[in-house]
């Protein structure tokens, strides 16, 4: 496809697991992540982390993605080894020794036709996660999905899948696609989205999917850390869902914290305050206490609003990424006849509200406002 290779996967035929591990350790550090069935991660000095394995055979040992039993079979044929793959485009091998492409299931044909097709329709659903992989591959590559594969996806027992695996596939769709709506359209067509997210599904329109495309293609989106980008995609996707459906969907995905970012908090805050007023300095200061202004503006821009002036205004106020720091703190109230406790908290909140309204701008004005408020009580 003319793309730079980033991930290297090597399958070694004719060596037992212990022989392969011994050989790899002469090349670099090895992590035996699946030693029982011949899977290793080699830290190569030029290529970085390389996945190395012996040919494997899968069997369905129980329900769900975790019910797949894996057995390493060193002397398996290439054709049989490739049959365990999900899609034909993922079942192409390159023989380094003989300098030849091995393509037992015509994956090159499907690459040229930009089509996703199952390697083996009889075993494809042994791992129901594959149905979600079809969605994310379709979105990332913008490939068509063969009709028989779409039918398989519609029948996948996805109810067996754990929430972290579901979130993992949708994360790849949102974070690695230039056009996530393409993959989501497969989710709509196959009925997978309705089954995965029954509460939110009535509000997951394909028009909203296209707003996600605008979001990920926007300039400032790329400046955010991956967990924040994921939260913004989820917020855009679920923006039209009522609060109970939104919360139920976040629960289904088990969304809380990821790499230091509170995903749930970001999604809930942005969705709740997406349509808050942003015309005045007061509007922006108050919004900054409820959600990150930059996140809200990013989503409003994806919806087609011209937010350039508003973004510049928020940046000038210093509230694009955080709320204004309080001008007055508890330690400043020692000069007033008030003791620490609930009354002091209410007084500080009152003064901060006036600060957000723009009625006070200095520490001296804040202290005077506290004094006046206290004398009027």
Protein backbone atom coordinates (compact mmCIF):
# COMPACT_ATOMS: atom_id res chain seq x y z
CA UNK A 1 0.00 0.00 0.00
CA UNK A 2 3.05 2.25 -0.08
CA UNK A 3 3.07 2.73 3.69
CA UNK A 4 6.09 2.67 5.96
CA UNK A 5 6.29 -0.54 8.01
CA UNK A 6 6.00 0.10 11.76
CA UNK A 7 5.17 -3.32 13.21
CA UNK A 8 7.22 -6.41 12.40
CA UNK A 9 5.76 -9.89 12.93
CA UNK A 10 7.98 -12.90 12.25
CA UNK A 11 6.76 -16.51 12.14
CA UNK A 12 9.52 -19.13 12.35
CA UNK A 13 8.90 -22.62 10.96
CA UNK A 14 10.75 -25.80 11.92
CA UNK A 15 12.05 -24.81 15.39
CA UNK A 16 10.73 -25.93 18.76
CA UNK A 17 9.90 -23.19 21.27
CA UNK A 18 13.10 -23.69 23.31
CA UNK A 19 15.25 -23.64 20.18
CA UNK A 20 13.62 -20.42 19.00
CA UNK A 21 14.06 -18.71 22.36
CA UNK A 22 17.72 -19.74 22.50
CA UNK A 23 18.32 -18.37 19.00
CA UNK A 24 16.54 -15.08 19.75
CA UNK A 25 18.59 -14.45 22.89
CA UNK A 26 21.72 -14.35 20.71
CA UNK A 27 20.21 -11.33 18.93
CA UNK A 28 18.83 -9.23 21.80
CA UNK A 29 16.71 -9.13 24.98
CA UNK A 30 13.65 -11.39 24.82
CA UNK A 31 10.32 -11.21 26.65
CA UNK A 32 8.61 -14.61 26.66
CA UNK A 33 5.05 -13.24 26.63
CA UNK A 34 3.53 -16.52 25.43
CA UNK A 35 6.27 -19.06 25.92
CA UNK A 36 3.86 -21.96 26.40
CA UNK A 37 2.75 -21.65 22.77
CA UNK A 38 5.86 -20.06 21.26
CA UNK A 39 5.30 -16.28 21.29
CA UNK A 40 8.14 -13.88 22.10
CA UNK A 41 8.90 -10.18 21.91
CA UNK A 42 12.44 -9.44 20.76
CA UNK A 43 14.00 -6.05 21.46
CA UNK A 44 15.98 -5.55 18.26
CA UNK A 45 18.67 -2.86 18.07
CA UNK A 46 17.42 -1.56 14.70
CA UNK A 47 13.76 -2.56 14.40
CA UNK A 48 12.71 -2.02 18.01
CA UNK A 49 10.18 -4.46 19.45
CA UNK A 50 9.54 -7.40 17.10
CA UNK A 51 6.88 -10.09 17.62
CA UNK A 52 8.33 -13.55 16.91
CA UNK A 53 6.40 -16.81 17.09
CA UNK A 54 6.16 -20.34 15.85
CA UNK A 55 3.07 -21.34 13.81
CA UNK A 56 0.00 -21.78 15.98
CA UNK A 57 -3.32 -23.57 15.93
CA UNK A 58 -6.40 -22.06 17.59
CA UNK A 59 -9.34 -23.97 18.98
CA UNK A 60 -12.51 -22.72 20.61
CA UNK A 61 -12.23 -23.86 24.24
CA UNK A 62 -15.06 -21.74 25.60
CA UNK A 63 -17.15 -18.60 25.11
CA UNK A 64 -15.68 -15.21 24.31
CA UNK A 65 -12.29 -13.89 23.29
CA UNK A 66 -10.65 -15.57 26.30
CA UNK A 67 -12.04 -18.95 25.23
CA UNK A 68 -9.48 -19.41 22.46
CA UNK A 69 -6.96 -22.18 23.17
CA UNK A 70 -3.64 -21.74 21.36
CA UNK A 71 -1.15 -24.49 20.53
CA UNK A 72 2.28 -24.00 18.96
CA UNK A 73 2.95 -26.39 16.06
CA UNK A 74 6.49 -25.84 14.63
CA UNK A 75 6.10 -28.07 11.58
CA UNK A 76 2.72 -26.81 10.43
CA UNK A 77 2.40 -25.82 6.76
CA UNK A 78 2.23 -22.16 5.80
CA UNK A 79 -1.25 -22.67 4.36
CA UNK A 80 -2.59 -24.17 7.59
CA UNK A 81 -0.85 -21.54 9.74
CA UNK A 82 -2.29 -18.70 7.67
CA UNK A 83 -5.80 -20.18 7.97
CA UNK A 84 -5.98 -19.07 11.62
CA UNK A 85 -5.78 -15.42 10.58
CA UNK A 86 -8.91 -13.31 10.55
CA UNK A 87 -8.78 -11.42 7.24
CA UNK A 88 -7.13 -12.33 3.96
CA UNK A 89 -5.12 -9.10 3.97
CA UNK A 90 -3.65 -10.23 7.31
CA UNK A 91 -2.73 -13.69 5.99
CA UNK A 92 0.09 -12.66 3.65
CA UNK A 93 3.64 -13.76 4.49
CA UNK A 94 7.03 -12.97 2.97
CA UNK A 95 9.59 -15.76 2.79
CA UNK A 96 12.93 -14.12 3.57
CA UNK A 97 15.00 -17.15 2.59
CA UNK A 98 13.46 -17.65 -0.84
CA UNK A 99 12.55 -13.99 -1.53
CA UNK A 100 8.94 -14.78 -2.36
CA UNK A 101 5.51 -13.60 -1.24
CA UNK A 102 3.33 -16.33 0.28
CA UNK A 103 -0.36 -15.54 -0.21
CA UNK A 104 -2.41 -18.70 0.25
CA UNK A 105 -5.76 -16.87 0.58
CA UNK A 106 -5.41 -14.20 -2.11
CA UNK A 107 -4.91 -11.34 0.31
CA UNK A 108 -3.02 -9.35 -2.34
CA UNK A 109 -6.09 -9.49 -4.57
CA UNK A 110 -8.25 -8.10 -1.76
CA UNK A 111 -5.68 -5.41 -0.97
CA UNK A 112 -5.80 -4.28 -4.59
CA UNK A 113 -9.61 -4.37 -4.52
CA UNK A 114 -9.62 -2.54 -1.14
CA UNK A 115 -11.89 -5.23 0.31
CA UNK A 116 -12.01 -6.98 3.68
CA UNK A 117 -12.76 -10.71 3.41
CA UNK A 118 -12.64 -13.55 5.96
CA UNK A 119 -9.94 -16.19 5.58
CA UNK A 120 -12.25 -18.97 6.75
CA UNK A 121 -15.97 -18.31 7.19
CA UNK A 122 -16.36 -21.50 9.24
CA UNK A 123 -13.94 -20.39 11.99
CA UNK A 124 -14.10 -16.59 11.78
CA UNK A 125 -16.58 -16.28 14.65
CA UNK A 126 -14.57 -18.52 16.98
CA UNK A 127 -13.21 -15.19 18.20
CA UNK A 128 -16.09 -12.67 18.31
CA UNK A 129 -13.62 -9.81 18.72
CA UNK A 130 -12.93 -10.19 15.01
CA UNK A 131 -16.26 -8.52 14.22
CA UNK A 132 -15.04 -5.36 15.94
CA UNK A 133 -11.68 -5.67 14.20
CA UNK A 134 -13.58 -5.49 10.92
CA UNK A 135 -15.09 -2.17 12.02
CA UNK A 136 -11.74 -0.64 12.95
CA UNK A 137 -9.88 -2.00 9.91
CA UNK A 138 -12.64 -0.69 7.63
CA UNK A 139 -12.36 2.73 9.25
CA UNK A 140 -8.58 2.88 9.24
CA UNK A 141 -8.15 1.60 5.67
CA UNK A 142 -11.50 2.75 4.22
CA UNK A 143 -11.94 -0.70 2.68
CA UNK A 144 -15.24 -2.22 1.61
CA UNK A 145 -16.50 -5.25 3.56
CA UNK A 146 -17.42 -8.36 1.59
CA UNK A 147 -21.11 -9.24 1.96
CA UNK A 148 -20.44 -12.66 3.52
CA UNK A 149 -18.11 -11.04 6.06
CA UNK A 150 -20.74 -8.43 6.94
CA UNK A 151 -23.22 -11.27 7.53
CA UNK A 152 -20.72 -12.98 9.84
CA UNK A 153 -20.21 -9.78 11.83
CA UNK A 154 -23.96 -9.45 12.29
CA UNK A 155 -24.03 -12.93 13.89
CA UNK A 156 -20.98 -12.48 16.15
CA UNK A 157 -21.63 -13.35 19.83
CA UNK A 158 -20.22 -10.01 20.99
CA UNK A 159 -22.08 -10.18 24.29
CA UNK A 160 -19.26 -12.47 25.44
CA UNK A 161 -16.58 -9.81 24.99
CA UNK A 162 -15.06 -7.99 27.98
CA UNK A 163 -15.42 -4.22 28.02
CA UNK A 164 -11.67 -3.55 27.79
CA UNK A 165 -11.43 -5.42 24.47
CA UNK A 166 -14.42 -3.53 23.05
CA UNK A 167 -12.90 -0.20 24.10
CA UNK A 168 -9.56 -1.29 22.65
CA UNK A 169 -10.99 -1.79 19.17
CA UNK A 170 -12.99 1.45 19.22
CA UNK A 171 -9.90 3.29 20.46
CA UNK A 172 -8.00 2.07 17.39
CA UNK A 173 -10.88 3.17 15.18
CA UNK A 174 -11.03 6.66 16.67
CA UNK A 175 -7.31 7.27 17.16
CA UNK A 176 -5.91 5.71 13.97
CA UNK A 177 -8.54 6.66 11.39
CA UNK A 178 -8.76 9.76 9.26
CA UNK A 179 -12.40 8.89 8.67
CA UNK A 180 -13.89 6.95 11.62
CA UNK A 181 -17.38 7.34 10.11
CA UNK A 182 -16.48 4.73 7.51
CA UNK A 183 -15.93 2.07 10.15
CA UNK A 184 -18.93 3.21 12.18
CA UNK A 185 -21.10 2.81 9.07
CA UNK A 186 -20.17 -0.89 9.12
CA UNK A 187 -21.19 -0.98 12.78
CA UNK A 188 -24.57 0.48 11.86
CA UNK A 189 -25.09 -1.78 8.85
CA UNK A 190 -24.18 -4.97 10.71
CA UNK A 191 -26.29 -4.09 13.75
CA UNK A 192 -23.24 -4.34 16.02
CA UNK A 193 -23.61 -0.82 17.41
CA UNK A 194 -27.23 -1.44 18.39
CA UNK A 195 -26.26 -4.63 20.22
CA UNK A 196 -23.18 -3.16 21.89
CA UNK A 197 -24.75 0.14 22.97
CA UNK A 198 -28.54 -0.32 23.18
CA UNK A 199 -29.11 2.76 25.40
CA UNK A 200 -27.19 5.21 23.21
CA UNK A 201 -27.89 3.65 19.80
CA UNK A 202 -31.04 5.70 19.03
CA UNK A 203 -28.86 8.82 19.30
CA UNK A 204 -25.85 7.53 17.31
CA UNK A 205 -26.65 9.06 13.94
CA UNK A 206 -24.43 8.76 10.90
CA UNK A 207 -24.51 12.54 10.65
CA UNK A 208 -22.86 12.67 14.06
CA UNK A 209 -20.28 10.13 12.84
CA UNK A 210 -19.23 12.65 10.20
CA UNK A 211 -18.72 15.26 12.91
CA UNK A 212 -16.11 12.88 14.36
CA UNK A 213 -14.37 12.93 10.96
CA UNK A 214 -14.21 16.73 11.16
CA UNK A 215 -12.90 16.47 14.72
CA UNK A 216 -9.99 14.13 13.92
CA UNK A 217 -9.08 16.09 10.81
CA UNK A 218 -8.93 19.40 12.69
CA UNK A 219 -5.60 21.03 13.43
CA UNK A 220 -5.73 21.48 17.21
CA UNK A 221 -6.98 17.92 17.76
CA UNK A 222 -3.53 16.49 17.01
CA UNK A 223 -2.03 18.60 19.81
CA UNK A 224 -3.91 16.63 22.46
CA UNK A 225 -2.58 13.50 24.20
CA UNK A 226 -4.08 10.21 22.91
CA UNK A 227 -6.36 9.66 25.95
CA UNK A 228 -7.78 13.16 25.53
CA UNK A 229 -8.29 12.61 21.79
CA UNK A 230 -10.18 9.42 22.62
CA UNK A 231 -12.34 11.27 25.16
CA UNK A 232 -13.13 13.99 22.61
CA UNK A 233 -14.14 11.39 20.02
CA UNK A 234 -16.39 9.66 22.54
CA UNK A 235 -17.90 13.01 23.57
CA UNK A 236 -18.61 13.89 19.93
CA UNK A 237 -20.05 10.46 19.23
CA UNK A 238 -22.32 10.50 22.29
CA UNK A 239 -23.14 14.23 22.31
CA UNK A 240 -26.82 13.72 21.47
CA UNK A 241 -27.44 11.00 24.05
CA UNK A 242 -29.35 11.93 27.22
CA UNK A 243 -27.47 11.72 30.51
CA UNK A 244 -28.69 8.24 31.49
CA UNK A 245 -27.86 6.73 28.08
CA UNK A 246 -24.46 8.45 28.11
CA UNK A 247 -23.62 7.10 31.56
CA UNK A 248 -24.83 3.60 30.65
CA UNK A 249 -22.57 3.57 27.59
CA UNK A 250 -19.55 4.72 29.58
CA UNK A 251 -20.34 1.94 32.06
CA UNK A 252 -20.51 -0.64 29.26
CA UNK A 253 -17.07 0.44 28.10
CA UNK A 254 -15.81 0.60 31.70
CA UNK A 255 -14.46 4.08 31.04
CA UNK A 256 -12.73 5.79 33.94
CA UNK A 257 -9.02 6.71 33.92
CA UNK A 258 -6.46 6.05 31.19
CA UNK A 259 -2.80 7.06 31.35
CA UNK A 260 -3.48 9.75 33.91
CA UNK A 261 -6.53 11.19 32.15
CA UNK A 262 -9.99 10.87 33.66
CA UNK A 263 -11.79 9.91 30.44
CA UNK A 264 -15.20 9.75 32.07
CA UNK A 265 -14.83 13.22 33.55
CA UNK A 266 -13.75 14.75 30.24
CA UNK A 267 -16.58 13.12 28.27
CA UNK A 268 -19.30 14.05 30.78
CA UNK A 269 -18.08 17.63 31.18
CA UNK A 270 -17.79 18.34 27.46
CA UNK A 271 -21.18 16.81 26.60
CA UNK A 272 -22.95 18.61 29.44
CA UNK A 273 -21.50 22.02 28.61
CA UNK A 274 -21.11 21.74 24.85
CA UNK A 275 -23.81 24.33 24.21
CA UNK A 276 -23.00 26.73 27.05
CA UNK A 277 -22.82 30.41 25.97
CA UNK A 278 -19.34 31.57 24.87
CA UNK A 279 -20.00 35.14 23.71
CA UNK A 280 -18.51 37.15 26.60
CA UNK A 281 -15.53 37.06 28.92
CA UNK A 282 -17.92 36.14 31.72
CA UNK A 283 -19.24 33.21 29.67
CA UNK A 284 -15.74 31.88 29.06
CA UNK A 285 -14.61 32.27 32.66
CA UNK A 286 -17.62 30.37 33.96
CA UNK A 287 -17.28 27.66 31.28
CA UNK A 288 -13.65 27.13 32.29
CA UNK A 289 -14.79 26.04 35.76
CA UNK A 290 -17.09 23.38 34.31
CA UNK A 291 -15.15 21.96 31.36
CA UNK A 292 -11.89 22.56 29.50
CA UNK A 293 -12.72 25.43 27.13
CA UNK A 294 -10.29 24.14 24.46
CA UNK A 295 -12.13 20.80 24.38
CA UNK A 296 -15.56 22.41 24.03
CA UNK A 297 -14.35 24.72 21.27
CA UNK A 298 -12.72 21.81 19.42
CA UNK A 299 -16.05 19.97 19.27
CA UNK A 300 -18.01 23.08 18.33
CA UNK A 301 -15.54 23.69 15.51
CA UNK A 302 -16.11 20.10 14.30
CA UNK A 303 -19.83 20.90 14.17
CA UNK A 304 -19.09 23.74 11.79
CA UNK A 305 -18.89 26.76 14.11
CA UNK A 306 -16.22 29.41 13.49
CA UNK A 307 -14.49 29.51 16.87
CA UNK A 308 -11.19 31.20 15.92
CA UNK A 309 -12.02 34.53 17.60
CA UNK A 310 -13.50 32.82 20.65
CA UNK A 311 -10.41 30.65 21.03
CA UNK A 312 -8.17 33.71 20.84
CA UNK A 313 -10.39 35.46 23.40
CA UNK A 314 -10.18 32.50 25.80
CA UNK A 315 -6.41 32.32 25.36
CA UNK A 316 -6.09 36.05 26.14
CA UNK A 317 -8.14 35.53 29.31
CA UNK A 318 -5.92 32.59 30.27
CA UNK A 319 -8.88 30.20 30.51
CA UNK A 320 -8.34 28.00 27.43
CA UNK A 321 -6.99 25.11 29.50
CA UNK A 322 -7.81 25.98 33.10
CA UNK A 323 -10.08 28.08 35.26
CA UNK A 324 -8.86 31.46 36.62
CA UNK A 325 -6.98 31.07 39.91
CA UNK A 326 -8.86 32.43 42.90
CA UNK A 327 -7.84 35.92 43.96
CA UNK A 328 -8.81 35.18 47.55
CA UNK A 329 -7.95 32.21 49.80
CA UNK A 330 -8.77 31.16 53.32
CA UNK A 331 -5.44 32.45 54.65
CA UNK A 332 -6.35 35.92 53.36
CA UNK A 333 -9.43 36.07 55.60
CA UNK A 334 -7.48 36.14 58.87
CA UNK A 335 -7.96 39.90 58.97
CA UNK A 336 -11.75 39.43 59.02
CA UNK A 337 -13.95 38.27 61.93
CA UNK A 338 -14.61 34.80 60.55
CA UNK A 339 -13.46 31.34 61.61
CA UNK A 340 -12.56 28.41 59.35
CA UNK A 341 -15.59 26.32 58.47
CA UNK A 342 -18.61 26.20 56.15
CA UNK A 343 -19.24 29.95 56.44
CA UNK A 344 -15.72 30.70 55.19
CA UNK A 345 -16.19 28.31 52.27
CA UNK A 346 -19.42 30.02 51.27
CA UNK A 347 -17.75 33.42 51.51
CA UNK A 348 -14.85 32.37 49.29
CA UNK A 349 -17.29 30.88 46.76
CA UNK A 350 -19.27 34.13 46.73
CA UNK A 351 -16.15 36.20 46.07
CA UNK A 352 -14.95 33.78 43.35
CA UNK A 353 -18.32 34.05 41.62
CA UNK A 354 -17.94 37.82 41.51
CA UNK A 355 -14.45 37.34 40.11
CA UNK A 356 -15.82 35.09 37.34
CA UNK A 357 -18.55 37.65 36.66
CA UNK A 358 -15.83 40.25 36.14
CA UNK A 359 -16.94 42.45 39.06
CA UNK A 360 -13.56 42.16 40.80
CA UNK A 361 -10.11 41.95 39.25
CA UNK A 362 -7.57 42.40 42.06
CA UNK A 363 -6.76 40.87 45.42
CA UNK A 364 -7.69 44.12 47.17
CA UNK A 365 -11.10 44.21 45.47
CA UNK A 366 -11.67 40.57 46.42
CA UNK A 367 -10.88 41.23 50.08
CA UNK A 368 -13.17 44.25 50.11
CA UNK A 369 -15.97 42.20 48.53
CA UNK A 370 -15.54 39.61 51.29
CA UNK A 371 -15.64 42.33 53.95
CA UNK A 372 -18.82 43.85 52.52
CA UNK A 373 -20.51 40.45 52.20
CA UNK A 374 -19.62 39.56 55.79
CA UNK A 375 -20.95 42.86 57.13
CA UNK A 376 -24.27 42.30 55.29
CA UNK A 377 -24.86 38.88 56.83
